[in-house]
Amino acid sequence: MINKIFFIFTLTLSLFASEGNVDKGLTYYKYIIRPMIDIKGSEFTKKHLTKEWKDLFKNSAEGFKNEYSVINSDFATFLKSKKFNKIAPDLEAFFIHYAKDSSVSPQCGDDTID
């Protein structure tokens, strides 16, 4: 019985540990992605619905890389980097948090996602 409880606890921790952090994703977008692509975060996150963002980030974000590598060569190079792979879960969390169908929107006058 204890082994089953330990297994369930460990499985739960590993599932939540792999999820990204919205605030980190916002910071990465603002200071790494935005200067490369010159699109406000509030505009970029609204490009897709929640399910679409999730699909784009499946299989090591292959869909995202394919769709957005055409923006410019600097961004295409970045998308192939280890750094992108490291921050992708946080970016995904950020994009989903502010997705087109999300009930969350920036506060009036709050430009933190831009």
N, C-alpha and C. Protein backbone atom coordinates (compact mmCIF):
# COMPACT_ATOMS: atom_id res chain seq x y z
N MET A 1 0.82 -1.20 0.00
CA MET A 1 0.00 0.00 0.00
C MET A 1 0.86 1.26 0.00
N ILE A 2 1.88 1.26 0.83
CA ILE A 2 2.77 2.42 0.90
C ILE A 2 3.49 2.61 -0.43
N ASN A 3 3.87 1.51 -1.06
CA ASN A 3 4.54 1.60 -2.36
C ASN A 3 3.64 2.25 -3.41
N LYS A 4 2.35 1.91 -3.38
CA LYS A 4 1.40 2.51 -4.32
C LYS A 4 1.26 4.01 -4.07
N ILE A 5 1.16 4.39 -2.83
CA ILE A 5 1.05 5.81 -2.48
C ILE A 5 2.31 6.55 -2.91
N PHE A 6 3.47 5.97 -2.64
CA PHE A 6 4.73 6.59 -3.04
C PHE A 6 4.81 6.73 -4.56
N PHE A 7 4.39 5.71 -5.28
CA PHE A 7 4.40 5.74 -6.74
C PHE A 7 3.50 6.86 -7.27
N ILE A 8 2.29 6.95 -6.74
CA ILE A 8 1.34 7.99 -7.17
C ILE A 8 1.90 9.38 -6.84
N PHE A 9 2.47 9.54 -5.68
CA PHE A 9 3.06 10.82 -5.28
C PHE A 9 4.21 11.20 -6.22
N THR A 10 5.07 10.26 -6.51
CA THR A 10 6.21 10.51 -7.40
C THR A 10 5.74 10.85 -8.81
N LEU A 11 4.75 10.12 -9.30
CA LEU A 11 4.21 10.38 -10.62
C LEU A 11 3.60 11.78 -10.69
N THR A 12 2.86 12.16 -9.68
CA THR A 12 2.25 13.48 -9.62
C THR A 12 3.31 14.58 -9.62
N LEU A 13 4.34 14.40 -8.83
CA LEU A 13 5.42 15.39 -8.80
C LEU A 13 6.09 15.52 -10.16
N SER A 14 6.35 14.43 -10.82
CA SER A 14 7.02 14.49 -12.11
C SER A 14 6.15 15.15 -13.16
N LEU A 15 4.85 14.95 -13.09
CA LEU A 15 3.96 15.60 -14.05
C LEU A 15 3.94 17.11 -13.86
N PHE A 16 3.89 17.55 -12.62
CA PHE A 16 3.86 18.98 -12.36
C PHE A 16 5.22 19.63 -12.55
N ALA A 17 6.28 18.90 -12.33
CA ALA A 17 7.62 19.45 -12.50
C ALA A 17 7.92 19.78 -13.94
N SER A 18 7.28 19.08 -14.88
CA SER A 18 7.55 19.32 -16.29
C SER A 18 6.75 20.49 -16.85
N GLU A 19 5.80 21.00 -16.10
CA GLU A 19 5.02 22.13 -16.57
C GLU A 19 5.83 23.41 -16.46
N GLY A 20 5.56 24.32 -17.37
CA GLY A 20 6.29 25.58 -17.38
C GLY A 20 5.72 26.59 -16.41
N ASN A 21 6.43 27.68 -16.29
CA ASN A 21 6.07 28.77 -15.39
C ASN A 21 5.69 29.98 -16.24
N VAL A 22 4.47 30.47 -16.06
CA VAL A 22 3.95 31.59 -16.84
C VAL A 22 4.83 32.83 -16.68
N ASP A 23 5.22 33.14 -15.46
CA ASP A 23 6.02 34.35 -15.21
C ASP A 23 7.40 34.25 -15.87
N LYS A 24 8.01 33.08 -15.80
CA LYS A 24 9.30 32.90 -16.48
C LYS A 24 9.11 33.02 -17.98
N GLY A 25 8.03 32.43 -18.50
CA GLY A 25 7.75 32.52 -19.93
C GLY A 25 7.57 33.96 -20.38
N LEU A 26 6.88 34.75 -19.57
CA LEU A 26 6.70 36.17 -19.88
C LEU A 26 8.06 36.87 -19.95
N THR A 27 8.91 36.60 -18.99
CA THR A 27 10.24 37.22 -18.96
C THR A 27 11.06 36.80 -20.16
N TYR A 28 11.05 35.50 -20.48
CA TYR A 28 11.80 35.03 -21.64
C TYR A 28 11.27 35.67 -22.92
N TYR A 29 9.95 35.76 -23.02
CA TYR A 29 9.37 36.38 -24.22
C TYR A 29 9.81 37.84 -24.32
N LYS A 30 9.68 38.54 -23.22
CA LYS A 30 9.95 39.98 -23.23
C LYS A 30 11.40 40.31 -23.54
N TYR A 31 12.33 39.53 -23.00
CA TYR A 31 13.75 39.88 -23.14
C TYR A 31 14.52 39.06 -24.18
N ILE A 32 13.96 37.94 -24.63
CA ILE A 32 14.67 37.13 -25.62
C ILE A 32 13.91 37.10 -26.94
N ILE A 33 12.64 36.74 -26.90
CA ILE A 33 11.87 36.54 -28.13
C ILE A 33 11.46 37.87 -28.77
N ARG A 34 10.88 38.75 -27.99
CA ARG A 34 10.36 40.02 -28.55
C ARG A 34 11.43 40.81 -29.29
N PRO A 35 12.64 40.96 -28.77
CA PRO A 35 13.64 41.70 -29.54
C PRO A 35 13.98 41.04 -30.89
N MET A 36 13.82 39.72 -30.98
CA MET A 36 14.11 39.02 -32.24
C MET A 36 13.00 39.14 -33.26
N ILE A 37 11.74 39.16 -32.79
CA ILE A 37 10.64 39.11 -33.74
C ILE A 37 9.80 40.38 -33.79
N ASP A 38 9.98 41.27 -32.84
CA ASP A 38 9.28 42.55 -32.79
C ASP A 38 7.75 42.43 -32.88
N ILE A 39 7.21 41.49 -32.11
CA ILE A 39 5.76 41.35 -31.98
C ILE A 39 5.43 41.38 -30.50
N LYS A 40 4.50 42.25 -30.13
CA LYS A 40 4.11 42.35 -28.72
C LYS A 40 3.59 41.02 -28.22
N GLY A 41 3.87 40.72 -26.97
CA GLY A 41 3.41 39.48 -26.36
C GLY A 41 1.90 39.36 -26.38
N SER A 42 1.20 40.49 -26.17
CA SER A 42 -0.26 40.46 -26.17
C SER A 42 -0.82 40.10 -27.54
N GLU A 43 -0.10 40.42 -28.60
CA GLU A 43 -0.52 40.04 -29.96
C GLU A 43 -0.12 38.60 -30.26
N PHE A 44 1.09 38.23 -29.88
CA PHE A 44 1.60 36.90 -30.22
C PHE A 44 0.82 35.80 -29.54
N THR A 45 0.49 35.99 -28.28
CA THR A 45 -0.22 34.94 -27.54
C THR A 45 -1.63 34.73 -28.08
N LYS A 46 -2.20 35.74 -28.70
CA LYS A 46 -3.57 35.64 -29.24
C LYS A 46 -3.62 35.01 -30.63
N LYS A 47 -2.49 34.57 -31.15
CA LYS A 47 -2.47 33.95 -32.47
C LYS A 47 -3.14 32.58 -32.49
N HIS A 48 -3.22 31.92 -31.33
CA HIS A 48 -3.75 30.56 -31.28
C HIS A 48 -4.63 30.35 -30.05
N LEU A 49 -5.49 29.34 -30.17
CA LEU A 49 -6.29 28.88 -29.04
C LEU A 49 -5.41 28.01 -28.15
N THR A 50 -5.87 27.74 -26.94
CA THR A 50 -5.11 26.93 -25.99
C THR A 50 -4.71 25.58 -26.59
N LYS A 51 -5.65 24.88 -27.18
CA LYS A 51 -5.36 23.57 -27.77
C LYS A 51 -4.32 23.70 -28.88
N GLU A 52 -4.40 24.74 -29.66
CA GLU A 52 -3.43 24.93 -30.75
C GLU A 52 -2.02 25.15 -30.20
N TRP A 53 -1.91 25.94 -29.13
CA TRP A 53 -0.59 26.15 -28.51
C TRP A 53 -0.05 24.82 -28.00
N LYS A 54 -0.90 24.04 -27.35
CA LYS A 54 -0.45 22.74 -26.84
C LYS A 54 0.04 21.85 -27.97
N ASP A 55 -0.70 21.84 -29.08
CA ASP A 55 -0.30 21.03 -30.23
C ASP A 55 1.03 21.51 -30.81
N LEU A 56 1.23 22.82 -30.88
CA LEU A 56 2.48 23.37 -31.42
C LEU A 56 3.69 22.99 -30.58
N PHE A 57 3.48 22.77 -29.28
CA PHE A 57 4.60 22.45 -28.39
C PHE A 57 4.78 20.95 -28.15
N LYS A 58 4.00 20.11 -28.83
CA LYS A 58 4.20 18.66 -28.73
C LYS A 58 5.50 18.29 -29.44
N ASN A 59 6.07 17.15 -29.05
CA ASN A 59 7.28 16.63 -29.71
C ASN A 59 8.40 17.65 -29.75
N SER A 60 8.76 18.15 -28.59
CA SER A 60 9.86 19.13 -28.46
C SER A 60 9.59 20.40 -29.26
N ALA A 61 8.34 20.82 -29.29
CA ALA A 61 7.92 22.07 -29.93
C ALA A 61 8.16 22.07 -31.44
N GLU A 62 8.11 20.92 -32.07
CA GLU A 62 8.36 20.84 -33.51
C GLU A 62 7.39 21.69 -34.32
N GLY A 63 6.11 21.67 -33.97
CA GLY A 63 5.13 22.48 -34.68
C GLY A 63 5.42 23.97 -34.56
N PHE A 64 5.78 24.39 -33.36
CA PHE A 64 6.12 25.81 -33.13
C PHE A 64 7.34 26.19 -33.96
N LYS A 65 8.36 25.35 -33.93
CA LYS A 65 9.59 25.62 -34.67
C LYS A 65 9.30 25.72 -36.16
N ASN A 66 8.50 24.80 -36.68
CA ASN A 66 8.17 24.82 -38.11
C ASN A 66 7.38 26.06 -38.50
N GLU A 67 6.40 26.41 -37.69
CA GLU A 67 5.54 27.54 -38.03
C GLU A 67 6.24 28.89 -37.90
N TYR A 68 7.07 29.04 -36.89
CA TYR A 68 7.63 30.36 -36.61
C TYR A 68 9.09 30.56 -37.02
N SER A 69 9.72 29.55 -37.54
CA SER A 69 11.11 29.72 -37.99
C SER A 69 11.20 30.59 -39.24
N VAL A 70 10.07 30.83 -39.88
CA VAL A 70 10.06 31.66 -41.09
C VAL A 70 10.04 33.16 -40.79
N ILE A 71 9.90 33.52 -39.53
CA ILE A 71 9.84 34.95 -39.17
C ILE A 71 11.12 35.66 -39.59
N ASN A 72 12.25 35.12 -39.18
CA ASN A 72 13.55 35.66 -39.62
C ASN A 72 14.64 34.65 -39.28
N SER A 73 15.81 34.84 -39.85
CA SER A 73 16.89 33.86 -39.69
C SER A 73 17.41 33.80 -38.25
N ASP A 74 17.45 34.93 -37.55
CA ASP A 74 17.90 34.92 -36.16
C ASP A 74 16.98 34.07 -35.29
N PHE A 75 15.67 34.23 -35.50
CA PHE A 75 14.71 33.45 -34.72
C PHE A 75 14.78 31.98 -35.10
N ALA A 76 14.94 31.68 -36.38
CA ALA A 76 15.07 30.29 -36.83
C ALA A 76 16.27 29.62 -36.17
N THR A 77 17.38 30.34 -36.09
CA THR A 77 18.58 29.81 -35.44
C THR A 77 18.33 29.59 -33.96
N PHE A 78 17.69 30.55 -33.31
CA PHE A 78 17.38 30.42 -31.89
C PHE A 78 16.49 29.21 -31.61
N LEU A 79 15.51 28.97 -32.48
CA LEU A 79 14.59 27.86 -32.28
C LEU A 79 15.29 26.50 -32.34
N LYS A 80 16.45 26.45 -32.93
CA LYS A 80 17.23 25.20 -33.02
C LYS A 80 18.21 25.05 -31.86
N SER A 81 18.25 26.03 -30.98
CA SER A 81 19.25 26.05 -29.91
C SER A 81 18.82 25.27 -28.67
N LYS A 82 19.81 24.91 -27.86
CA LYS A 82 19.55 24.26 -26.58
C LYS A 82 18.81 25.20 -25.64
N LYS A 83 19.13 26.49 -25.73
CA LYS A 83 18.47 27.48 -24.87
C LYS A 83 16.96 27.48 -25.12
N PHE A 84 16.55 27.45 -26.40
CA PHE A 84 15.12 27.41 -26.68
C PHE A 84 14.49 26.16 -26.08
N ASN A 85 15.14 25.02 -26.27
CA ASN A 85 14.60 23.78 -25.72
C ASN A 85 14.44 23.85 -24.21
N LYS A 86 15.35 24.55 -23.56
CA LYS A 86 15.29 24.69 -22.10
C LYS A 86 14.12 25.57 -21.65
N ILE A 87 13.88 26.66 -22.37
CA ILE A 87 12.84 27.60 -21.96
C ILE A 87 11.48 27.33 -22.59
N ALA A 88 11.40 26.38 -23.52
CA ALA A 88 10.15 26.10 -24.23
C ALA A 88 8.97 25.80 -23.29
N PRO A 89 9.14 25.01 -22.22
CA PRO A 89 7.98 24.77 -21.34
C PRO A 89 7.44 26.05 -20.70
N ASP A 90 8.32 26.98 -20.38
CA ASP A 90 7.87 28.25 -19.79
C ASP A 90 7.19 29.12 -20.84
N LEU A 91 7.72 29.12 -22.05
CA LEU A 91 7.07 29.87 -23.13
C LEU A 91 5.69 29.29 -23.43
N GLU A 92 5.62 27.98 -23.47
CA GLU A 92 4.33 27.33 -23.70
C GLU A 92 3.32 27.74 -22.63
N ALA A 93 3.72 27.73 -21.38
CA ALA A 93 2.83 28.12 -20.28
C ALA A 93 2.36 29.56 -20.46
N PHE A 94 3.28 30.44 -20.85
CA PHE A 94 2.95 31.84 -21.08
C PHE A 94 1.95 31.99 -22.24
N PHE A 95 2.21 31.31 -23.36
CA PHE A 95 1.32 31.40 -24.52
C PHE A 95 -0.06 30.86 -24.20
N ILE A 96 -0.13 29.77 -23.47
CA ILE A 96 -1.41 29.18 -23.11
C ILE A 96 -2.17 30.07 -22.12
N HIS A 97 -1.45 30.64 -21.18
CA HIS A 97 -2.08 31.49 -20.17
C HIS A 97 -2.82 32.67 -20.81
N TYR A 98 -2.25 33.23 -21.87
CA TYR A 98 -2.85 34.38 -22.54
C TYR A 98 -3.41 34.04 -23.92
N ALA A 99 -3.70 32.77 -24.19
CA ALA A 99 -4.19 32.33 -25.49
C ALA A 99 -5.48 33.05 -25.88
N LYS A 100 -5.80 32.94 -27.15
CA LYS A 100 -6.97 33.61 -27.70
C LYS A 100 -8.25 33.25 -26.94
N ASP A 101 -8.38 32.01 -26.51
CA ASP A 101 -9.59 31.57 -25.81
C ASP A 101 -9.46 31.60 -24.29
N SER A 102 -8.38 32.18 -23.79
CA SER A 102 -8.16 32.25 -22.35
C SER A 102 -9.04 33.33 -21.73
N SER A 103 -9.49 33.08 -20.53
CA SER A 103 -10.28 34.09 -19.83
C SER A 103 -9.38 35.14 -19.18
N VAL A 104 -8.07 34.91 -19.24
CA VAL A 104 -7.11 35.83 -18.64
C VAL A 104 -6.70 36.87 -19.69
N SER A 105 -6.73 38.10 -19.28
CA SER A 105 -6.26 39.17 -20.17
C SER A 105 -5.50 40.18 -19.32
N PRO A 106 -4.60 40.92 -19.96
CA PRO A 106 -3.83 41.91 -19.19
C PRO A 106 -4.77 42.94 -18.55
N GLN A 107 -4.37 43.41 -17.40
CA GLN A 107 -5.12 44.47 -16.73
C GLN A 107 -5.10 45.72 -17.60
N CYS A 108 -6.12 46.51 -17.52
CA CYS A 108 -6.17 47.75 -18.29
C CYS A 108 -4.96 48.61 -17.93
N GLY A 109 -4.22 48.99 -18.94
CA GLY A 109 -3.05 49.81 -18.70
C GLY A 109 -1.82 49.02 -18.33
N ASP A 110 -1.95 47.70 -18.21
CA ASP A 110 -0.82 46.86 -17.84
C ASP A 110 -0.13 46.36 -19.08
N ASP A 111 1.09 46.81 -19.30
CA ASP A 111 1.80 46.41 -20.52
C ASP A 111 2.88 45.37 -20.21
N THR A 112 2.69 44.60 -19.15
CA THR A 112 3.73 43.67 -18.75
C THR A 112 3.94 42.55 -19.77
N ILE A 113 2.95 42.23 -20.60
CA ILE A 113 3.19 41.17 -21.56
C ILE A 113 3.61 41.74 -22.91
N ASP A 114 3.81 43.00 -23.00
CA ASP A 114 4.25 43.59 -24.26
C ASP A 114 5.71 43.68 -24.24
